[in-house]
């Protein structure tokens, strides 16, 4: 799947929040400042072309449904991000945040606990 632009990611956030719907529904769920209706409609069409959404015509409007879940997108995005910027090393990613003081010792302890509990 193609990487999404920032406006496309914002639109997908509105789609995931809504579940499925028409452009007007996504506009209401969109983070502020919301783009103009026509801009969002164009972004939604692009997301459909990229394979993130499918549409079904209902009356004179198109209803859109996501083809990829938010968690699946996050997983693919993070894997690509870690591969591109941290030589595929999650250890280097965590080290980066620790050095930049973006993660606290308490948060690191929580992460370690999660890892240890998942091993069992």
PDB file of N, CA and C in Angstrom:
ATOM      1  N   UNK A   1       0.832  -1.189   0.000  1.00  0.00           N
ATOM      2  CA  UNK A   1       0.000   0.000   0.000  1.00  0.00           C
ATOM      3  C   UNK A   1       0.873   1.247   0.000  1.00  0.00           C
ATOM      4  N   UNK A   2       0.381   2.254  -0.697  1.00  0.00           N
ATOM      5  CA  UNK A   2       1.106   3.515  -0.769  1.00  0.00           C
ATOM      6  C   UNK A   2       1.072   4.237   0.569  1.00  0.00           C
ATOM      7  N   UNK A   3       2.165   4.957   0.865  1.00  0.00           N
ATOM      8  CA  UNK A   3       2.213   5.782   2.063  1.00  0.00           C
ATOM      9  C   UNK A   3       1.226   6.930   1.891  1.00  0.00           C
ATOM     10  N   UNK A   4       0.593   7.305   2.968  1.00  0.00           N
ATOM     11  CA  UNK A   4      -0.390   8.378   2.917  1.00  0.00           C
ATOM     12  C   UNK A   4       0.255   9.726   3.203  1.00  0.00           C
ATOM     13  N   UNK A   5      -0.289  10.758   2.580  1.00  0.00           N
ATOM     14  CA  UNK A   5       0.123  12.125   2.883  1.00  0.00           C
ATOM     15  C   UNK A   5      -0.542  12.529   4.204  1.00  0.00           C
ATOM     16  N   UNK A   6      -0.130  13.652   4.765  1.00  0.00           N
ATOM     17  CA  UNK A   6      -0.727  14.114   6.022  1.00  0.00           C
ATOM     18  C   UNK A   6      -2.228  14.374   5.870  1.00  0.00           C
ATOM     19  N   UNK A   7      -2.688  15.041   4.802  1.00  0.00           N
ATOM     20  CA  UNK A   7      -4.138  15.216   4.649  1.00  0.00           C
ATOM     21  C   UNK A   7      -4.881  13.885   4.490  1.00  0.00           C
ATOM     22  N   UNK A   8      -4.251  12.913   3.813  1.00  0.00           N
ATOM     23  CA  UNK A   8      -4.882  11.599   3.660  1.00  0.00           C
ATOM     24  C   UNK A   8      -4.969  10.872   4.996  1.00  0.00           C
ATOM     25  N   UNK A   9      -3.913  10.984   5.809  1.00  0.00           N
ATOM     26  CA  UNK A   9      -3.955  10.355   7.135  1.00  0.00           C
ATOM     27  C   UNK A   9      -5.040  10.988   7.998  1.00  0.00           C
ATOM     28  N   UNK A  10      -5.174  12.305   7.936  1.00  0.00           N
ATOM     29  CA  UNK A  10      -6.215  12.997   8.701  1.00  0.00           C
ATOM     30  C   UNK A  10      -7.604  12.550   8.240  1.00  0.00           C
ATOM     31  N   UNK A  11      -7.767  12.386   6.933  1.00  0.00           N
ATOM     32  CA  UNK A  11      -9.051  11.917   6.403  1.00  0.00           C
ATOM     33  C   UNK A  11      -9.324  10.489   6.873  1.00  0.00           C
ATOM     34  N   UNK A  12      -8.295   9.637   6.839  1.00  0.00           N
ATOM     35  CA  UNK A  12      -8.486   8.249   7.291  1.00  0.00           C
ATOM     36  C   UNK A  12      -8.830   8.202   8.779  1.00  0.00           C
ATOM     37  N   UNK A  13      -8.258   9.096   9.565  1.00  0.00           N
ATOM     38  CA  UNK A  13      -8.613   9.145  10.990  1.00  0.00           C
ATOM     39  C   UNK A  13     -10.117   9.405  11.140  1.00  0.00           C
ATOM     40  N   UNK A  14     -10.645  10.316  10.333  1.00  0.00           N
ATOM     41  CA  UNK A  14     -12.086  10.613  10.369  1.00  0.00           C
ATOM     42  C   UNK A  14     -12.893   9.404   9.904  1.00  0.00           C
ATOM     43  N   UNK A  15     -12.405   8.713   8.878  1.00  0.00           N
ATOM     44  CA  UNK A  15     -13.100   7.518   8.375  1.00  0.00           C
ATOM     45  C   UNK A  15     -13.113   6.440   9.456  1.00  0.00           C
ATOM     46  N   UNK A  16     -11.956   6.166  10.078  1.00  0.00           N
ATOM     47  CA  UNK A  16     -11.889   5.134  11.119  1.00  0.00           C
ATOM     48  C   UNK A  16     -12.786   5.492  12.295  1.00  0.00           C
ATOM     49  N   UNK A  17     -12.826   6.770  12.637  1.00  0.00           N
ATOM     50  CA  UNK A  17     -13.672   7.209  13.745  1.00  0.00           C
ATOM     51  C   UNK A  17     -15.148   7.000  13.414  1.00  0.00           C
ATOM     52  N   UNK A  18     -15.517   7.248  12.166  1.00  0.00           N
ATOM     53  CA  UNK A  18     -16.903   7.134  11.728  1.00  0.00           C
ATOM     54  C   UNK A  18     -17.293   5.690  11.437  1.00  0.00           C
ATOM     55  N   UNK A  19     -16.339   4.910  10.943  1.00  0.00           N
ATOM     56  CA  UNK A  19     -16.618   3.516  10.571  1.00  0.00           C
ATOM     57  C   UNK A  19     -16.902   3.397   9.094  1.00  0.00           C
ATOM     58  N   UNK A  20     -17.962   3.996   8.661  1.00  0.00           N
ATOM     59  CA  UNK A  20     -18.277   4.126   7.243  1.00  0.00           C
ATOM     60  C   UNK A  20     -19.221   5.296   7.120  1.00  0.00           C
ATOM     61  N   UNK A  21     -19.300   5.858   5.914  1.00  0.00           N
ATOM     62  CA  UNK A  21     -20.198   6.990   5.763  1.00  0.00           C
ATOM     63  C   UNK A  21     -19.952   7.739   4.475  1.00  0.00           C
ATOM     64  N   UNK A  22     -20.558   8.903   4.412  1.00  0.00           N
ATOM     65  CA  UNK A  22     -20.418   9.779   3.247  1.00  0.00           C
ATOM     66  C   UNK A  22     -19.450  10.901   3.624  1.00  0.00           C
ATOM     67  N   UNK A  23     -19.036  11.664   2.633  1.00  0.00           N
ATOM     68  CA  UNK A  23     -18.045  12.714   2.862  1.00  0.00           C
ATOM     69  C   UNK A  23     -18.496  13.660   3.973  1.00  0.00           C
ATOM     70  N   UNK A  24     -19.763  13.994   4.010  1.00  0.00           N
ATOM     71  CA  UNK A  24     -20.290  14.902   5.047  1.00  0.00           C
ATOM     72  C   UNK A  24     -20.033  14.333   6.444  1.00  0.00           C
ATOM     73  N   UNK A  25     -20.207  13.023   6.620  1.00  0.00           N
ATOM     74  CA  UNK A  25     -19.945  12.385   7.915  1.00  0.00           C
ATOM     75  C   UNK A  25     -18.473  12.533   8.303  1.00  0.00           C
ATOM     76  N   UNK A  26     -17.582  12.346   7.325  1.00  0.00           N
ATOM     77  CA  UNK A  26     -16.153  12.437   7.584  1.00  0.00           C
ATOM     78  C   UNK A  26     -15.735  13.871   7.892  1.00  0.00           C
ATOM     79  N   UNK A  27     -16.405  14.820   7.247  1.00  0.00           N
ATOM     80  CA  UNK A  27     -16.117  16.228   7.491  1.00  0.00           C
ATOM     81  C   UNK A  27     -16.452  16.581   8.942  1.00  0.00           C
ATOM     82  N   UNK A  28     -17.568  16.059   9.444  1.00  0.00           N
ATOM     83  CA  UNK A  28     -17.976  16.319  10.829  1.00  0.00           C
ATOM     84  C   UNK A  28     -17.023  15.677  11.825  1.00  0.00           C
ATOM     85  N   UNK A  29     -16.449  14.525  11.473  1.00  0.00           N
ATOM     86  CA  UNK A  29     -15.534  13.807  12.368  1.00  0.00           C
ATOM     87  C   UNK A  29     -14.086  14.271  12.217  1.00  0.00           C
ATOM     88  N   UNK A  30     -13.799  15.055  11.196  1.00  0.00           N
ATOM     89  CA  UNK A  30     -12.422  15.478  10.893  1.00  0.00           C
ATOM     90  C   UNK A  30     -11.882  16.388  11.986  1.00  0.00           C
ATOM     91  N   UNK A  31     -10.603  16.246  12.275  1.00  0.00           N
ATOM     92  CA  UNK A  31      -9.949  17.133  13.241  1.00  0.00           C
ATOM     93  C   UNK A  31      -9.979  18.564  12.715  1.00  0.00           C
ATOM     94  N   UNK A  32     -10.015  19.507  13.630  1.00  0.00           N
ATOM     95  CA  UNK A  32     -10.039  20.911  13.224  1.00  0.00           C
ATOM     96  C   UNK A  32      -8.624  21.413  13.021  1.00  0.00           C
ATOM     97  N   UNK A  33      -8.385  22.288  12.095  1.00  0.00           N
ATOM     98  CA  UNK A  33      -9.371  22.837  11.168  1.00  0.00           C
ATOM     99  C   UNK A  33      -9.678  21.842  10.044  1.00  0.00           C
ATOM    100  N   UNK A  34     -10.931  21.625   9.815  1.00  0.00           N
ATOM    101  CA  UNK A  34     -11.358  20.702   8.757  1.00  0.00           C
ATOM    102  C   UNK A  34     -11.148  21.371   7.398  1.00  0.00           C
ATOM    103  N   UNK A  35     -10.785  20.581   6.396  1.00  0.00           N
ATOM    104  CA  UNK A  35     -10.611  21.152   5.057  1.00  0.00           C
ATOM    105  C   UNK A  35     -11.972  21.482   4.442  1.00  0.00           C
ATOM    106  N   UNK A  36     -11.989  22.244   3.353  1.00  0.00           N
ATOM    107  CA  UNK A  36     -13.258  22.475   2.652  1.00  0.00           C
ATOM    108  C   UNK A  36     -13.824  21.135   2.162  1.00  0.00           C
ATOM    109  N   UNK A  37     -15.131  21.082   2.005  1.00  0.00           N
ATOM    110  CA  UNK A  37     -15.822  19.861   1.580  1.00  0.00           C
ATOM    111  C   UNK A  37     -15.214  19.286   0.313  1.00  0.00           C
ATOM    112  N   UNK A  38     -14.988  20.137  -0.694  1.00  0.00           N
ATOM    113  CA  UNK A  38     -14.480  19.643  -1.980  1.00  0.00           C
ATOM    114  C   UNK A  38     -13.072  19.061  -1.846  1.00  0.00           C
ATOM    115  N   UNK A  39     -12.268  19.649  -0.986  1.00  0.00           N
ATOM    116  CA  UNK A  39     -10.909  19.138  -0.758  1.00  0.00           C
ATOM    117  C   UNK A  39     -10.975  17.764  -0.112  1.00  0.00           C
ATOM    118  N   UNK A  40     -11.843  17.624   0.896  1.00  0.00           N
ATOM    119  CA  UNK A  40     -11.979  16.326   1.559  1.00  0.00           C
ATOM    120  C   UNK A  40     -12.546  15.292   0.595  1.00  0.00           C
ATOM    121  N   UNK A  41     -13.508  15.683  -0.226  1.00  0.00           N
ATOM    122  CA  UNK A  41     -14.088  14.752  -1.203  1.00  0.00           C
ATOM    123  C   UNK A  41     -13.016  14.258  -2.168  1.00  0.00           C
ATOM    124  N   UNK A  42     -12.141  15.151  -2.592  1.00  0.00           N
ATOM    125  CA  UNK A  42     -11.045  14.773  -3.484  1.00  0.00           C
ATOM    126  C   UNK A  42     -10.063  13.832  -2.778  1.00  0.00           C
ATOM    127  N   UNK A  43      -9.769  14.112  -1.530  1.00  0.00           N
ATOM    128  CA  UNK A  43      -8.872  13.260  -0.741  1.00  0.00           C
ATOM    129  C   UNK A  43      -9.474  11.872  -0.567  1.00  0.00           C
ATOM    130  N   UNK A  44     -10.765  11.808  -0.305  1.00  0.00           N
ATOM    131  CA  UNK A  44     -11.462  10.524  -0.145  1.00  0.00           C
ATOM    132  C   UNK A  44     -11.382   9.722  -1.439  1.00  0.00           C
ATOM    133  N   UNK A  45     -11.582  10.378  -2.571  1.00  0.00           N
ATOM    134  CA  UNK A  45     -11.475   9.695  -3.875  1.00  0.00           C
ATOM    135  C   UNK A  45     -10.056   9.140  -4.072  1.00  0.00           C
ATOM    136  N   UNK A  46      -9.049   9.934  -3.702  1.00  0.00           N
ATOM    137  CA  UNK A  46      -7.665   9.470  -3.813  1.00  0.00           C
ATOM    138  C   UNK A  46      -7.413   8.255  -2.924  1.00  0.00           C
ATOM    139  N   UNK A  47      -7.989   8.256  -1.735  1.00  0.00           N
ATOM    140  CA  UNK A  47      -7.840   7.115  -0.827  1.00  0.00           C
ATOM    141  C   UNK A  47      -8.483   5.863  -1.415  1.00  0.00           C
ATOM    142  N   UNK A  48      -9.584   6.056  -2.119  1.00  0.00           N
ATOM    143  CA  UNK A  48     -10.224   4.926  -2.791  1.00  0.00           C
ATOM    144  C   UNK A  48      -9.310   4.389  -3.905  1.00  0.00           C
ATOM    145  N   UNK A  49      -8.726   5.288  -4.676  1.00  0.00           N
ATOM    146  CA  UNK A  49      -7.817   4.875  -5.757  1.00  0.00           C
ATOM    147  C   UNK A  49      -6.595   4.138  -5.219  1.00  0.00           C
ATOM    148  N   UNK A  50      -6.137   4.549  -4.045  1.00  0.00           N
ATOM    149  CA  UNK A  50      -4.965   3.916  -3.431  1.00  0.00           C
ATOM    150  C   UNK A  50      -5.306   2.593  -2.751  1.00  0.00           C
ATOM    151  N   UNK A  51      -6.591   2.266  -2.656  1.00  0.00           N
ATOM    152  CA  UNK A  51      -6.993   0.993  -2.077  1.00  0.00           C
ATOM    153  C   UNK A  51      -7.260   1.012  -0.586  1.00  0.00           C
ATOM    154  N   UNK A  52      -7.404   2.191  -0.009  1.00  0.00           N
ATOM    155  CA  UNK A  52      -7.695   2.303   1.417  1.00  0.00           C
ATOM    156  C   UNK A  52      -9.194   2.286   1.708  1.00  0.00           C
ATOM    157  N   UNK A  53      -9.997   2.668   0.723  1.00  0.00           N
ATOM    158  CA  UNK A  53     -11.454   2.738   0.881  1.00  0.00           C
ATOM    159  C   UNK A  53     -12.138   2.055  -0.300  1.00  0.00           C
ATOM    160  N   UNK A  54     -13.359   1.634  -0.062  1.00  0.00           N
ATOM    161  CA  UNK A  54     -14.211   1.190  -1.163  1.00  0.00           C
ATOM    162  C   UNK A  54     -15.489   2.010  -1.079  1.00  0.00           C
ATOM    163  N   UNK A  55     -16.129   2.194  -2.225  1.00  0.00           N
ATOM    164  CA  UNK A  55     -17.352   2.993  -2.233  1.00  0.00           C
ATOM    165  C   UNK A  55     -18.511   2.179  -2.783  1.00  0.00           C
ATOM    166  N   UNK A  56     -19.693   2.635  -2.385  1.00  0.00           N
ATOM    167  CA  UNK A  56     -20.929   2.040  -2.886  1.00  0.00           C
ATOM    168  C   UNK A  56     -21.896   3.197  -3.073  1.00  0.00           C
ATOM    169  N   UNK A  57     -22.451   3.278  -4.265  1.00  0.00           N
ATOM    170  CA  UNK A  57     -23.383   4.373  -4.543  1.00  0.00           C
ATOM    171  C   UNK A  57     -24.733   4.054  -3.931  1.00  0.00           C
ATOM    172  N   UNK A  58     -25.210   4.987  -3.130  1.00  0.00           N
ATOM    173  CA  UNK A  58     -26.515   4.873  -2.490  1.00  0.00           C
ATOM    174  C   UNK A  58     -27.294   6.132  -2.859  1.00  0.00           C
ATOM    175  N   UNK A  59     -28.276   5.969  -3.723  1.00  0.00           N
ATOM    176  CA  UNK A  59     -29.005   7.138  -4.212  1.00  0.00           C
ATOM    177  C   UNK A  59     -28.068   7.977  -5.062  1.00  0.00           C
ATOM    178  N   UNK A  60     -27.904   9.240  -4.672  1.00  0.00           N
ATOM    179  CA  UNK A  60     -27.018  10.111  -5.441  1.00  0.00           C
ATOM    180  C   UNK A  60     -25.701  10.415  -4.704  1.00  0.00           C
ATOM    181  N   UNK A  61     -25.397   9.650  -3.645  1.00  0.00           N
ATOM    182  CA  UNK A  61     -24.143   9.847  -2.906  1.00  0.00           C
ATOM    183  C   UNK A  61     -23.374   8.527  -2.817  1.00  0.00           C
ATOM    184  N   UNK A  62     -22.086   8.661  -2.566  1.00  0.00           N
ATOM    185  CA  UNK A  62     -21.241   7.490  -2.367  1.00  0.00           C
ATOM    186  C   UNK A  62     -20.989   7.293  -0.878  1.00  0.00           C
ATOM    187  N   UNK A  63     -21.162   6.038  -0.451  1.00  0.00           N
ATOM    188  CA  UNK A  63     -20.855   5.673   0.925  1.00  0.00           C
ATOM    189  C   UNK A  63     -19.514   4.935   0.899  1.00  0.00           C
ATOM    190  N   UNK A  64     -18.629   5.337   1.782  1.00  0.00           N
ATOM    191  CA  UNK A  64     -17.283   4.774   1.806  1.00  0.00           C
ATOM    192  C   UNK A  64     -17.076   3.900   3.040  1.00  0.00           C
ATOM    193  N   UNK A  65     -16.319   2.835   2.839  1.00  0.00           N
ATOM    194  CA  UNK A  65     -15.984   1.897   3.902  1.00  0.00           C
ATOM    195  C   UNK A  65     -14.476   1.669   3.863  1.00  0.00           C
ATOM    196  N   UNK A  66     -13.809   1.671   5.023  1.00  0.00           N
ATOM    197  CA  UNK A  66     -12.367   1.432   5.015  1.00  0.00           C
ATOM    198  C   UNK A  66     -12.046  -0.019   4.658  1.00  0.00           C
ATOM    199  N   UNK A  67     -10.981  -0.201   3.878  1.00  0.00           N
ATOM    200  CA  UNK A  67     -10.512  -1.544   3.520  1.00  0.00           C
ATOM    201  C   UNK A  67      -9.334  -1.978   4.391  1.00  0.00           C
ATOM    202  N   UNK A  68      -8.796  -1.037   5.152  1.00  0.00           N
ATOM    203  CA  UNK A  68      -7.696  -1.333   6.062  1.00  0.00           C
ATOM    204  C   UNK A  68      -8.039  -0.709   7.409  1.00  0.00           C
ATOM    205  N   UNK A  69      -7.826  -1.478   8.465  1.00  0.00           N
ATOM    206  CA  UNK A  69      -8.102  -0.972   9.802  1.00  0.00           C
ATOM    207  C   UNK A  69      -6.992  -0.072  10.304  1.00  0.00           C
ATOM    208  N   UNK A  70      -7.312   0.706  11.304  1.00  0.00           N
ATOM    209  CA  UNK A  70      -6.345   1.647  11.867  1.00  0.00           C
ATOM    210  C   UNK A  70      -5.124   0.924  12.431  1.00  0.00           C
ATOM    211  N   UNK A  71      -5.341  -0.175  13.141  1.00  0.00           N
ATOM    212  CA  UNK A  71      -4.221  -0.920  13.725  1.00  0.00           C
ATOM    213  C   UNK A  71      -3.317  -1.506  12.651  1.00  0.00           C
ATOM    214  N   UNK A  72      -3.907  -2.028  11.589  1.00  0.00           N
ATOM    215  CA  UNK A  72      -3.116  -2.585  10.491  1.00  0.00           C
ATOM    216  C   UNK A  72      -2.274  -1.492   9.835  1.00  0.00           C
ATOM    217  N   UNK A  73      -2.870  -0.310   9.638  1.00  0.00           N
ATOM    218  CA  UNK A  73      -2.125   0.804   9.050  1.00  0.00           C
ATOM    219  C   UNK A  73      -0.978   1.213   9.960  1.00  0.00           C
ATOM    220  N   UNK A  74      -1.246   1.337  11.255  1.00  0.00           N
ATOM    221  CA  UNK A  74      -0.201   1.724  12.200  1.00  0.00           C
ATOM    222  C   UNK A  74       0.962   0.737  12.143  1.00  0.00           C
ATOM    223  N   UNK A  75       0.632  -0.549  12.103  1.00  0.00           N
ATOM    224  CA  UNK A  75       1.665  -1.578  12.076  1.00  0.00           C
ATOM    225  C   UNK A  75       2.534  -1.436  10.823  1.00  0.00           C
ATOM    226  N   UNK A  76       1.899  -1.271   9.656  1.00  0.00           N
ATOM    227  CA  UNK A  76       2.654  -1.136   8.407  1.00  0.00           C
ATOM    228  C   UNK A  76       3.475   0.145   8.403  1.00  0.00           C
ATOM    229  N   UNK A  77       2.858   1.233   8.877  1.00  0.00           N
ATOM    230  CA  UNK A  77       3.555   2.509   8.909  1.00  0.00           C
ATOM    231  C   UNK A  77       4.752   2.446   9.846  1.00  0.00           C
ATOM    232  N   UNK A  78       4.555   1.917  11.040  1.00  0.00           N
ATOM    233  CA  UNK A  78       5.645   1.863  12.017  1.00  0.00           C
ATOM    234  C   UNK A  78       6.765   0.950  11.545  1.00  0.00           C
ATOM    235  N   UNK A  79       6.428  -0.179  10.956  1.00  0.00           N
ATOM    236  CA  UNK A  79       7.465  -1.072  10.435  1.00  0.00           C
ATOM    237  C   UNK A  79       8.305  -0.355   9.386  1.00  0.00           C
ATOM    238  N   UNK A  80       7.661   0.367   8.488  1.00  0.00           N
ATOM    239  CA  UNK A  80       8.375   1.119   7.460  1.00  0.00           C
ATOM    240  C   UNK A  80       9.199   2.253   8.049  1.00  0.00           C
ATOM    241  N   UNK A  81       8.638   2.923   9.036  1.00  0.00           N
ATOM    242  CA  UNK A  81       9.321   4.022   9.710  1.00  0.00           C
ATOM    243  C   UNK A  81      10.586   3.539  10.410  1.00  0.00           C
ATOM    244  N   UNK A  82      10.451   2.457  11.166  1.00  0.00           N
ATOM    245  CA  UNK A  82      11.600   1.907  11.894  1.00  0.00           C
ATOM    246  C   UNK A  82      12.652   1.405  10.908  1.00  0.00           C
ATOM    247  N   UNK A  83      12.203   0.792   9.837  1.00  0.00           N
ATOM    248  CA  UNK A  83      13.140   0.299   8.822  1.00  0.00           C
ATOM    249  C   UNK A  83      13.896   1.461   8.179  1.00  0.00           C
ATOM    250  N   UNK A  84      13.187   2.534   7.833  1.00  0.00           N
ATOM    251  CA  UNK A  84      13.799   3.665   7.136  1.00  0.00           C
ATOM    252  C   UNK A  84      14.708   4.516   8.018  1.00  0.00           C
ATOM    253  N   UNK A  85      14.294   4.761   9.260  1.00  0.00           N
ATOM    254  CA  UNK A  85      15.006   5.712  10.094  1.00  0.00           C
ATOM    255  C   UNK A  85      15.862   5.089  11.192  1.00  0.00           C
ATOM    256  N   UNK A  86      15.621   3.830  11.508  1.00  0.00           N
ATOM    257  CA  UNK A  86      16.349   3.202  12.615  1.00  0.00           C
ATOM    258  C   UNK A  86      16.947   1.855  12.230  1.00  0.00           C
ATOM    259  N   UNK A  87      17.242   1.668  10.953  1.00  0.00           N
ATOM    260  CA  UNK A  87      17.887   0.447  10.440  1.00  0.00           C
ATOM    261  C   UNK A  87      17.178  -0.809  10.935  1.00  0.00           C
ATOM    262  N   UNK A  88      15.850  -0.734  10.980  1.00  0.00           N
ATOM    263  CA  UNK A  88      15.004  -1.859  11.387  1.00  0.00           C
ATOM    264  C   UNK A  88      15.247  -2.301  12.832  1.00  0.00           C
ATOM    265  N   UNK A  89      15.699  -1.382  13.675  1.00  0.00           N
ATOM    266  CA  UNK A  89      15.987  -1.695  15.077  1.00  0.00           C
ATOM    267  C   UNK A  89      15.042  -0.928  16.000  1.00  0.00           C
ATOM    268  N   UNK A  90      14.151  -1.664  16.646  1.00  0.00           N
ATOM    269  CA  UNK A  90      13.249  -1.030  17.615  1.00  0.00           C
ATOM    270  C   UNK A  90      14.019  -0.576  18.844  1.00  0.00           C
ATOM    271  N   UNK A  91      15.124  -1.259  19.140  1.00  0.00           N
ATOM    272  CA  UNK A  91      15.989  -0.847  20.251  1.00  0.00           C
ATOM    273  C   UNK A  91      16.525   0.557  19.974  1.00  0.00           C
ATOM    274  N   UNK A  92      16.974   0.797  18.728  1.00  0.00           N
ATOM    275  CA  UNK A  92      17.472   2.127  18.369  1.00  0.00           C
ATOM    276  C   UNK A  92      16.371   3.175  18.450  1.00  0.00           C
ATOM    277  N   UNK A  93      15.160   2.792  18.112  1.00  0.00           N
ATOM    278  CA  UNK A  93      14.020   3.710  18.219  1.00  0.00           C
ATOM    279  C   UNK A  93      13.789   4.124  19.668  1.00  0.00           C
ATOM    280  N   UNK A  94      13.740   3.148  20.565  1.00  0.00           N
ATOM    281  CA  UNK A  94      13.515   3.442  21.985  1.00  0.00           C
ATOM    282  C   UNK A  94      14.693   4.231  22.549  1.00  0.00           C
ATOM    283  N   UNK A  95      15.910   3.878  22.143  1.00  0.00           N
ATOM    284  CA  UNK A  95      17.100   4.600  22.591  1.00  0.00           C
ATOM    285  C   UNK A  95      17.038   6.063  22.163  1.00  0.00           C
ATOM    286  N   UNK A  96      16.603   6.289  20.937  1.00  0.00           N
ATOM    287  CA  UNK A  96      16.452   7.654  20.440  1.00  0.00           C
ATOM    288  C   UNK A  96      15.520   8.459  21.344  1.00  0.00           C
ATOM    289  N   UNK A  97      14.354   7.903  21.656  1.00  0.00           N
ATOM    290  CA  UNK A  97      13.390   8.621  22.497  1.00  0.00           C
ATOM    291  C   UNK A  97      13.904   8.810  23.912  1.00  0.00           C
ATOM    292  N   UNK A  98      14.650   7.835  24.424  1.00  0.00           N
ATOM    293  CA  UNK A  98      15.226   7.973  25.765  1.00  0.00           C
ATOM    294  C   UNK A  98      16.260   9.100  25.784  1.00  0.00           C
ATOM    295  N   UNK A  99      17.123   9.140  24.780  1.00  0.00           N
ATOM    296  CA  UNK A  99      18.147  10.201  24.713  1.00  0.00           C
ATOM    297  C   UNK A  99      17.530  11.578  24.547  1.00  0.00           C
ATOM    298  N   UNK A 100      16.442  11.647  23.808  1.00  0.00           N
ATOM    299  CA  UNK A 100      15.755  12.923  23.582  1.00  0.00           C
ATOM    300  C   UNK A 100      14.830  13.289  24.743  1.00  0.00           C
ATOM    301  N   UNK A 101      14.833  12.454  25.774  1.00  0.00           N
ATOM    302  CA  UNK A 101      13.989  12.655  26.965  1.00  0.00           C
ATOM    303  C   UNK A 101      12.513  12.755  26.603  1.00  0.00           C
ATOM    304  N   UNK A 102      12.111  11.913  25.628  1.00  0.00           N
ATOM    305  CA  UNK A 102      10.726  11.859  25.191  1.00  0.00           C
ATOM    306  C   UNK A 102       9.992  10.678  25.828  1.00  0.00           C
ATOM    307  N   UNK A 103      10.721   9.901  26.609  1.00  0.00           N
ATOM    308  CA  UNK A 103      10.132   8.754  27.285  1.00  0.00           C
ATOM    309  C   UNK A 103      10.713   8.701  28.690  1.00  0.00           C
ATOM    310  N   UNK A 104       9.864   8.494  29.669  1.00  0.00           N
ATOM    311  CA  UNK A 104      10.298   8.522  31.063  1.00  0.00           C
ATOM    312  C   UNK A 104      10.722   7.127  31.523  1.00  0.00           C
ATOM    313  N   UNK A 105      11.483   7.069  32.614  1.00  0.00           N
ATOM    314  CA  UNK A 105      11.851   5.755  33.167  1.00  0.00           C
ATOM    315  C   UNK A 105      10.614   4.911  33.513  1.00  0.00           C
ATOM    316  N   UNK A 106       9.561   5.558  33.986  1.00  0.00           N
ATOM    317  CA  UNK A 106       8.327   4.827  34.320  1.00  0.00           C
ATOM    318  C   UNK A 106       7.714   4.215  33.065  1.00  0.00           C
ATOM    319  N   UNK A 107       7.723   4.968  31.974  1.00  0.00           N
ATOM    320  CA  UNK A 107       7.187   4.444  30.719  1.00  0.00           C
ATOM    321  C   UNK A 107       8.035   3.285  30.204  1.00  0.00           C
ATOM    322  N   UNK A 108       9.355   3.389  30.355  1.00  0.00           N
ATOM    323  CA  UNK A 108      10.237   2.284  29.952  1.00  0.00           C
ATOM    324  C   UNK A 108       9.948   1.033  30.785  1.00  0.00           C
ATOM    325  N   UNK A 109       9.701   1.224  32.078  1.00  0.00           N
ATOM    326  CA  UNK A 109       9.360   0.084  32.942  1.00  0.00           C
ATOM    327  C   UNK A 109       8.058  -0.568  32.485  1.00  0.00           C
ATOM    328  N   UNK A 110       7.090   0.252  32.082  1.00  0.00           N
ATOM    329  CA  UNK A 110       5.823  -0.286  31.565  1.00  0.00           C
ATOM    330  C   UNK A 110       6.062  -1.100  30.293  1.00  0.00           C
ATOM    331  N   UNK A 111       6.918  -0.582  29.421  1.00  0.00           N
ATOM    332  CA  UNK A 111       7.230  -1.295  28.178  1.00  0.00           C
ATOM    333  C   UNK A 111       7.902  -2.625  28.486  1.00  0.00           C
ATOM    334  N   UNK A 112       8.859  -2.609  29.398  1.00  0.00           N
ATOM    335  CA  UNK A 112       9.551  -3.844  29.787  1.00  0.00           C
ATOM    336  C   UNK A 112       8.556  -4.839  30.367  1.00  0.00           C
ATOM    337  N   UNK A 113       7.642  -4.372  31.194  1.00  0.00           N
ATOM    338  CA  UNK A 113       6.618  -5.243  31.771  1.00  0.00           C
ATOM    339  C   UNK A 113       5.741  -5.850  30.680  1.00  0.00           C
ATOM    340  N   UNK A 114       5.348  -5.054  29.697  1.00  0.00           N
ATOM    341  CA  UNK A 114       4.543  -5.563  28.583  1.00  0.00           C
ATOM    342  C   UNK A 114       5.292  -6.650  27.823  1.00  0.00           C
ATOM    343  N   UNK A 115       6.564  -6.422  27.582  1.00  0.00           N
ATOM    344  CA  UNK A 115       7.383  -7.404  26.852  1.00  0.00           C
ATOM    345  C   UNK A 115       7.496  -8.689  27.662  1.00  0.00           C
ATOM    346  N   UNK A 116       7.783  -8.561  28.939  1.00  0.00           N
ATOM    347  CA  UNK A 116       7.934  -9.757  29.788  1.00  0.00           C
ATOM    348  C   UNK A 116       6.627 -10.522  29.910  1.00  0.00           C
ATOM    349  N   UNK A 117       5.512  -9.829  30.018  1.00  0.00           N
ATOM    350  CA  UNK A 117       4.213 -10.501  30.141  1.00  0.00           C
ATOM    351  C   UNK A 117       3.783 -11.174  28.840  1.00  0.00           C
ATOM    352  N   UNK A 118       4.196 -10.631  27.704  1.00  0.00           N
ATOM    353  CA  UNK A 118       3.862 -11.244  26.409  1.00  0.00           C
ATOM    354  C   UNK A 118       4.686 -12.476  26.128  1.00  0.00           C
ATOM    355  N   UNK A 119       5.828 -12.631  26.800  1.00  0.00           N
ATOM    356  CA  UNK A 119       6.665 -13.819  26.610  1.00  0.00           C
ATOM    357  C   UNK A 119       6.040 -15.048  27.267  1.00  0.00           C
ATOM    358  N   UNK A 120       5.231 -14.807  28.278  1.00  0.00           N
ATOM    359  CA  UNK A 120       4.653 -15.909  29.052  1.00  0.00           C
ATOM    360  C   UNK A 120       3.471 -16.530  28.366  1.00  0.00           C
TER     361      UNK A 120
END
